[in-house]
N, C-alpha and C. Protein backbone atom coordinates (compact mmCIF):
# COMPACT_ATOMS: atom_id res chain seq x y z
N MET A 1 -17.03 5.39 -11.04
CA MET A 1 -17.09 6.37 -9.97
C MET A 1 -16.15 5.93 -8.85
N LEU A 2 -15.44 6.88 -8.33
CA LEU A 2 -14.56 6.63 -7.19
C LEU A 2 -14.79 7.72 -6.17
N LYS A 3 -14.97 7.30 -4.92
CA LYS A 3 -15.13 8.25 -3.83
C LYS A 3 -14.35 7.73 -2.63
N VAL A 4 -13.50 8.59 -2.07
CA VAL A 4 -12.74 8.24 -0.87
C VAL A 4 -13.17 9.20 0.23
N ASP A 5 -13.79 8.65 1.27
CA ASP A 5 -14.23 9.47 2.40
C ASP A 5 -13.03 9.92 3.24
N PRO A 6 -13.20 11.00 4.01
CA PRO A 6 -12.10 11.46 4.88
C PRO A 6 -11.62 10.39 5.86
N ASN A 7 -12.50 9.46 6.24
CA ASN A 7 -12.10 8.40 7.18
C ASN A 7 -11.43 7.23 6.47
N GLY A 8 -11.24 7.33 5.12
CA GLY A 8 -10.54 6.30 4.37
C GLY A 8 -11.42 5.28 3.70
N GLU A 9 -12.74 5.31 3.98
CA GLU A 9 -13.62 4.36 3.31
C GLU A 9 -13.69 4.70 1.83
N ILE A 10 -13.69 3.64 1.00
CA ILE A 10 -13.67 3.81 -0.45
C ILE A 10 -14.95 3.24 -1.04
N TYR A 11 -15.51 3.98 -2.01
CA TYR A 11 -16.60 3.48 -2.83
C TYR A 11 -16.12 3.54 -4.28
N MET A 12 -16.28 2.43 -4.99
CA MET A 12 -15.83 2.37 -6.38
C MET A 12 -16.80 1.51 -7.18
N THR A 13 -17.07 1.90 -8.41
CA THR A 13 -17.90 1.09 -9.29
C THR A 13 -17.06 -0.09 -9.78
N ARG A 14 -17.61 -1.28 -9.68
CA ARG A 14 -16.92 -2.49 -10.13
C ARG A 14 -16.53 -2.37 -11.59
N GLY A 15 -15.30 -2.75 -11.91
CA GLY A 15 -14.84 -2.74 -13.28
C GLY A 15 -14.30 -1.42 -13.77
N ASP A 16 -14.26 -0.41 -12.92
CA ASP A 16 -13.70 0.89 -13.30
C ASP A 16 -12.18 0.90 -13.08
N THR A 17 -11.55 1.94 -13.59
CA THR A 17 -10.14 2.21 -13.33
C THR A 17 -10.07 3.22 -12.19
N ALA A 18 -9.14 3.05 -11.29
CA ALA A 18 -8.99 3.99 -10.18
C ALA A 18 -7.51 4.17 -9.87
N TYR A 19 -7.17 5.39 -9.48
CA TYR A 19 -5.82 5.72 -9.02
C TYR A 19 -5.94 6.20 -7.57
N LEU A 20 -5.34 5.46 -6.67
CA LEU A 20 -5.38 5.82 -5.26
C LEU A 20 -3.98 6.20 -4.81
N LYS A 21 -3.89 7.31 -4.07
CA LYS A 21 -2.60 7.81 -3.60
C LYS A 21 -2.67 7.96 -2.07
N PRO A 22 -2.41 6.87 -1.35
CA PRO A 22 -2.52 6.94 0.11
C PRO A 22 -1.45 7.85 0.71
N ASN A 23 -1.84 8.52 1.78
CA ASN A 23 -0.89 9.37 2.51
C ASN A 23 -0.27 8.54 3.62
N ILE A 24 1.05 8.57 3.67
CA ILE A 24 1.77 7.83 4.69
C ILE A 24 2.49 8.85 5.57
N VAL A 25 2.15 8.85 6.85
CA VAL A 25 2.81 9.76 7.78
C VAL A 25 3.47 8.94 8.89
N VAL A 26 4.56 9.49 9.39
CA VAL A 26 5.29 8.84 10.47
C VAL A 26 5.53 9.86 11.57
N GLU A 27 5.63 9.35 12.79
CA GLU A 27 5.87 10.25 13.92
C GLU A 27 7.30 10.76 13.91
N ASP A 28 7.46 12.04 14.15
CA ASP A 28 8.77 12.67 14.23
C ASP A 28 9.49 12.10 15.44
N GLU A 29 10.71 11.61 15.24
CA GLU A 29 11.47 11.01 16.35
C GLU A 29 11.79 12.00 17.45
N ASP A 30 11.90 13.29 17.10
CA ASP A 30 12.29 14.30 18.08
C ASP A 30 11.12 15.02 18.73
N VAL A 31 9.93 14.97 18.08
CA VAL A 31 8.77 15.69 18.60
C VAL A 31 7.59 14.72 18.71
N PRO A 32 7.28 14.26 19.93
CA PRO A 32 6.16 13.34 20.10
C PRO A 32 4.85 13.95 19.59
N ASN A 33 4.01 13.10 19.01
CA ASN A 33 2.70 13.48 18.48
C ASN A 33 2.77 14.44 17.29
N LYS A 34 3.95 14.57 16.68
CA LYS A 34 4.08 15.34 15.44
C LYS A 34 4.33 14.35 14.32
N PHE A 35 3.48 14.41 13.29
CA PHE A 35 3.57 13.46 12.20
C PHE A 35 3.91 14.18 10.90
N ASP A 36 4.83 13.60 10.15
CA ASP A 36 5.28 14.16 8.89
C ASP A 36 5.12 13.11 7.79
N PRO A 37 5.05 13.56 6.53
CA PRO A 37 4.98 12.59 5.43
C PRO A 37 6.21 11.69 5.42
N TYR A 38 5.99 10.43 5.16
CA TYR A 38 7.10 9.48 5.05
C TYR A 38 7.89 9.80 3.78
N GLU A 39 9.20 9.78 3.88
CA GLU A 39 10.08 10.03 2.74
C GLU A 39 10.51 8.68 2.15
N PHE A 40 10.02 8.36 0.95
CA PHE A 40 10.35 7.10 0.31
C PHE A 40 11.81 7.06 -0.10
N VAL A 41 12.36 5.85 -0.07
CA VAL A 41 13.70 5.60 -0.60
C VAL A 41 13.58 4.45 -1.60
N GLU A 42 14.53 4.39 -2.51
CA GLU A 42 14.56 3.31 -3.50
C GLU A 42 14.54 1.97 -2.77
N GLY A 43 13.63 1.09 -3.14
CA GLY A 43 13.52 -0.22 -2.51
C GLY A 43 12.35 -0.35 -1.55
N ASP A 44 11.72 0.77 -1.16
CA ASP A 44 10.50 0.70 -0.35
C ASP A 44 9.37 0.12 -1.21
N VAL A 45 8.45 -0.57 -0.55
CA VAL A 45 7.30 -1.17 -1.23
C VAL A 45 6.05 -0.81 -0.45
N VAL A 46 4.96 -0.50 -1.17
CA VAL A 46 3.66 -0.30 -0.54
C VAL A 46 2.71 -1.32 -1.15
N ASN A 47 2.13 -2.16 -0.29
CA ASN A 47 1.21 -3.20 -0.73
C ASN A 47 -0.23 -2.83 -0.38
N PHE A 48 -1.14 -3.17 -1.30
CA PHE A 48 -2.58 -3.02 -1.11
C PHE A 48 -3.17 -4.42 -1.06
N ARG A 49 -4.10 -4.65 -0.13
CA ARG A 49 -4.79 -5.94 -0.05
C ARG A 49 -6.28 -5.70 0.12
N LEU A 50 -7.06 -6.48 -0.61
CA LEU A 50 -8.52 -6.43 -0.53
C LEU A 50 -9.01 -7.80 -0.12
N ALA A 51 -9.89 -7.84 0.88
CA ALA A 51 -10.33 -9.13 1.41
C ALA A 51 -11.83 -9.13 1.70
N ASN A 52 -12.36 -10.34 1.77
CA ASN A 52 -13.75 -10.59 2.16
C ASN A 52 -13.68 -11.57 3.32
N ASN A 53 -14.16 -11.16 4.49
CA ASN A 53 -13.96 -11.95 5.70
C ASN A 53 -12.45 -12.12 5.86
N SER A 54 -11.95 -13.32 5.90
CA SER A 54 -10.50 -13.50 6.05
C SER A 54 -9.84 -13.94 4.75
N LYS A 55 -10.59 -13.97 3.66
CA LYS A 55 -10.08 -14.45 2.38
C LYS A 55 -9.51 -13.29 1.56
N LEU A 56 -8.21 -13.38 1.25
CA LEU A 56 -7.55 -12.38 0.42
C LEU A 56 -8.01 -12.55 -1.02
N LEU A 57 -8.54 -11.47 -1.62
CA LEU A 57 -9.06 -11.52 -2.99
C LEU A 57 -8.15 -10.81 -3.99
N LEU A 58 -7.43 -9.80 -3.54
CA LEU A 58 -6.60 -9.02 -4.43
C LEU A 58 -5.42 -8.46 -3.65
N GLU A 59 -4.24 -8.57 -4.22
CA GLU A 59 -3.05 -7.96 -3.64
C GLU A 59 -2.26 -7.33 -4.77
N LYS A 60 -1.92 -6.05 -4.60
CA LYS A 60 -1.16 -5.33 -5.62
C LYS A 60 -0.14 -4.43 -4.95
N GLN A 61 0.96 -4.20 -5.66
CA GLN A 61 1.95 -3.24 -5.20
C GLN A 61 1.68 -1.89 -5.84
N CYS A 62 1.91 -0.85 -5.07
CA CYS A 62 1.81 0.51 -5.58
C CYS A 62 3.07 0.84 -6.36
N ASP A 63 2.94 1.74 -7.32
CA ASP A 63 4.11 2.34 -7.95
C ASP A 63 4.60 3.42 -7.00
N ILE A 64 5.92 3.52 -6.84
CA ILE A 64 6.50 4.54 -5.97
C ILE A 64 7.13 5.61 -6.85
N ASP A 65 6.63 6.83 -6.71
CA ASP A 65 7.17 7.99 -7.43
C ASP A 65 8.10 8.71 -6.46
N LEU A 66 9.39 8.41 -6.57
CA LEU A 66 10.37 8.99 -5.64
C LEU A 66 10.48 10.49 -5.80
N GLU A 67 10.38 10.97 -7.04
CA GLU A 67 10.53 12.40 -7.30
C GLU A 67 9.45 13.22 -6.59
N ASN A 68 8.21 12.71 -6.59
CA ASN A 68 7.10 13.43 -5.95
C ASN A 68 6.72 12.85 -4.59
N ASN A 69 7.47 11.84 -4.14
CA ASN A 69 7.24 11.20 -2.85
C ASN A 69 5.80 10.70 -2.69
N LYS A 70 5.34 9.92 -3.67
CA LYS A 70 3.98 9.39 -3.67
C LYS A 70 3.97 7.90 -3.95
N ALA A 71 3.06 7.20 -3.31
CA ALA A 71 2.73 5.82 -3.67
C ALA A 71 1.43 5.89 -4.45
N ILE A 72 1.37 5.20 -5.58
CA ILE A 72 0.19 5.27 -6.44
C ILE A 72 -0.28 3.85 -6.75
N LEU A 73 -1.50 3.54 -6.33
CA LEU A 73 -2.12 2.26 -6.63
C LEU A 73 -3.01 2.43 -7.85
N THR A 74 -2.80 1.61 -8.86
CA THR A 74 -3.67 1.61 -10.03
C THR A 74 -4.53 0.36 -9.98
N LEU A 75 -5.84 0.57 -9.89
CA LEU A 75 -6.78 -0.54 -10.00
C LEU A 75 -7.32 -0.52 -11.42
N ASN A 76 -7.12 -1.62 -12.13
CA ASN A 76 -7.59 -1.76 -13.50
C ASN A 76 -8.93 -2.47 -13.52
N PRO A 77 -9.71 -2.34 -14.60
CA PRO A 77 -11.02 -2.98 -14.66
C PRO A 77 -10.98 -4.47 -14.31
N GLU A 78 -9.97 -5.19 -14.79
CA GLU A 78 -9.90 -6.63 -14.53
C GLU A 78 -9.64 -6.96 -13.06
N ASP A 79 -9.20 -6.00 -12.27
CA ASP A 79 -8.96 -6.25 -10.84
C ASP A 79 -10.26 -6.46 -10.07
N THR A 80 -11.34 -5.82 -10.51
CA THR A 80 -12.59 -5.89 -9.75
C THR A 80 -13.78 -6.45 -10.53
N GLU A 81 -13.64 -6.62 -11.84
CA GLU A 81 -14.81 -6.98 -12.66
C GLU A 81 -15.42 -8.33 -12.29
N ASN A 82 -14.66 -9.23 -11.68
CA ASN A 82 -15.21 -10.54 -11.30
C ASN A 82 -15.61 -10.62 -9.83
N LEU A 83 -15.56 -9.50 -9.13
CA LEU A 83 -15.98 -9.47 -7.72
C LEU A 83 -17.44 -9.04 -7.64
N ASP A 84 -18.14 -9.54 -6.64
CA ASP A 84 -19.55 -9.16 -6.43
C ASP A 84 -19.63 -7.74 -5.91
N PRO A 85 -20.67 -7.00 -6.33
CA PRO A 85 -20.87 -5.67 -5.74
C PRO A 85 -21.32 -5.81 -4.29
N LYS A 86 -20.46 -5.44 -3.36
CA LYS A 86 -20.76 -5.51 -1.93
C LYS A 86 -19.63 -4.86 -1.16
N VAL A 87 -19.65 -4.96 0.14
CA VAL A 87 -18.63 -4.36 1.00
C VAL A 87 -17.50 -5.36 1.24
N TYR A 88 -16.28 -4.89 1.02
CA TYR A 88 -15.06 -5.64 1.30
C TYR A 88 -14.26 -4.80 2.31
N PHE A 89 -13.07 -5.27 2.63
CA PHE A 89 -12.18 -4.51 3.51
C PHE A 89 -10.79 -4.50 2.90
N TYR A 90 -10.07 -3.38 3.11
CA TYR A 90 -8.75 -3.25 2.53
C TYR A 90 -7.75 -2.74 3.55
N CYS A 91 -6.47 -2.91 3.19
CA CYS A 91 -5.39 -2.35 3.99
C CYS A 91 -4.26 -1.93 3.06
N PHE A 92 -3.42 -1.04 3.55
CA PHE A 92 -2.17 -0.66 2.90
C PHE A 92 -1.05 -0.91 3.89
N GLU A 93 0.06 -1.45 3.39
CA GLU A 93 1.21 -1.72 4.23
C GLU A 93 2.48 -1.20 3.56
N LEU A 94 3.28 -0.50 4.31
CA LEU A 94 4.59 -0.05 3.86
C LEU A 94 5.62 -1.07 4.32
N VAL A 95 6.44 -1.54 3.37
CA VAL A 95 7.58 -2.40 3.70
C VAL A 95 8.82 -1.60 3.31
N THR A 96 9.60 -1.23 4.31
CA THR A 96 10.74 -0.36 4.06
C THR A 96 11.93 -1.17 3.55
N LEU A 97 12.85 -0.47 2.93
CA LEU A 97 14.07 -1.09 2.43
C LEU A 97 14.79 -1.85 3.54
N SER A 98 14.72 -1.33 4.76
CA SER A 98 15.41 -1.98 5.88
C SER A 98 14.62 -3.15 6.48
N GLY A 99 13.45 -3.47 5.90
CA GLY A 99 12.70 -4.64 6.35
C GLY A 99 11.58 -4.37 7.33
N GLY A 100 11.32 -3.11 7.65
CA GLY A 100 10.22 -2.79 8.56
C GLY A 100 8.87 -2.95 7.85
N HIS A 101 7.88 -3.45 8.56
CA HIS A 101 6.52 -3.60 8.04
C HIS A 101 5.59 -2.70 8.84
N PHE A 102 4.92 -1.76 8.15
CA PHE A 102 4.06 -0.80 8.83
C PHE A 102 2.72 -0.73 8.12
N THR A 103 1.68 -1.29 8.74
CA THR A 103 0.34 -1.17 8.21
C THR A 103 -0.15 0.22 8.57
N PHE A 104 -0.44 1.05 7.56
CA PHE A 104 -0.85 2.42 7.84
C PHE A 104 -2.32 2.66 7.55
N ILE A 105 -2.99 1.75 6.87
CA ILE A 105 -4.45 1.73 6.78
C ILE A 105 -4.85 0.29 7.01
N GLU A 106 -5.72 0.08 8.00
CA GLU A 106 -6.03 -1.27 8.43
C GLU A 106 -7.53 -1.54 8.39
N ASN A 107 -7.92 -2.65 7.76
CA ASN A 107 -9.28 -3.19 7.86
C ASN A 107 -10.35 -2.11 7.66
N THR A 108 -10.28 -1.41 6.53
CA THR A 108 -11.18 -0.29 6.24
C THR A 108 -12.13 -0.67 5.10
N ARG A 109 -13.35 -0.17 5.18
CA ARG A 109 -14.40 -0.54 4.22
C ARG A 109 -14.05 -0.11 2.79
N PHE A 110 -14.33 -1.03 1.86
CA PHE A 110 -14.14 -0.80 0.43
C PHE A 110 -15.40 -1.35 -0.24
N THR A 111 -16.28 -0.47 -0.69
CA THR A 111 -17.54 -0.88 -1.28
C THR A 111 -17.44 -0.87 -2.80
N LEU A 112 -17.78 -1.99 -3.39
CA LEU A 112 -17.87 -2.08 -4.85
C LEU A 112 -19.33 -1.94 -5.25
N GLY A 113 -19.59 -0.94 -6.10
CA GLY A 113 -20.94 -0.74 -6.60
C GLY A 113 -21.15 -1.49 -7.90
N LYS A 114 -22.41 -1.64 -8.26
CA LYS A 114 -22.78 -2.38 -9.46
C LYS A 114 -22.62 -1.50 -10.69
N GLU A 115 -22.01 -2.07 -11.71
CA GLU A 115 -21.90 -1.37 -12.99
C GLU A 115 -23.14 -1.68 -13.82
N LEU A 116 -23.55 -0.75 -14.65
CA LEU A 116 -24.74 -0.95 -15.48
C LEU A 116 -24.39 -1.35 -16.91
N GLU A 117 -23.12 -1.21 -17.26
CA GLU A 117 -22.72 -1.57 -18.62
C GLU A 117 -22.32 -3.03 -18.70
N THR A 118 -22.36 -3.58 -19.91
CA THR A 118 -21.90 -4.93 -20.16
C THR A 118 -20.65 -4.83 -21.01
N ARG A 119 -19.59 -5.48 -20.54
CA ARG A 119 -18.32 -5.45 -21.29
C ARG A 119 -18.14 -6.77 -22.02
N GLU A 120 -17.56 -6.68 -23.19
CA GLU A 120 -17.32 -7.90 -23.96
C GLU A 120 -15.87 -8.06 -24.28
């Protein structure tokens, strides 16, 4: 099960597969307080990090689909199957080709629920 609340909080069953497509918006240089989708270029990177307290537990890069202008994070079963079911925190960061670092989701709740199946 995967659920993403409007405020960005994520609930996911431990050991499941999930595809997350974060929205990245940037302020229009010509119009203050107007935000538009970020336009990816070849060489941009989007990083996902999952942590407990200050300890980094998982870091993955998103796939960038330039044709559809999307960043796609794939969480595989092995990414979460060894983590305890509880609340963690995550962030997403855009690293642009020109070297800019922009955290666009910061320190947001990521709850792992308990799975009932046993995998072998």
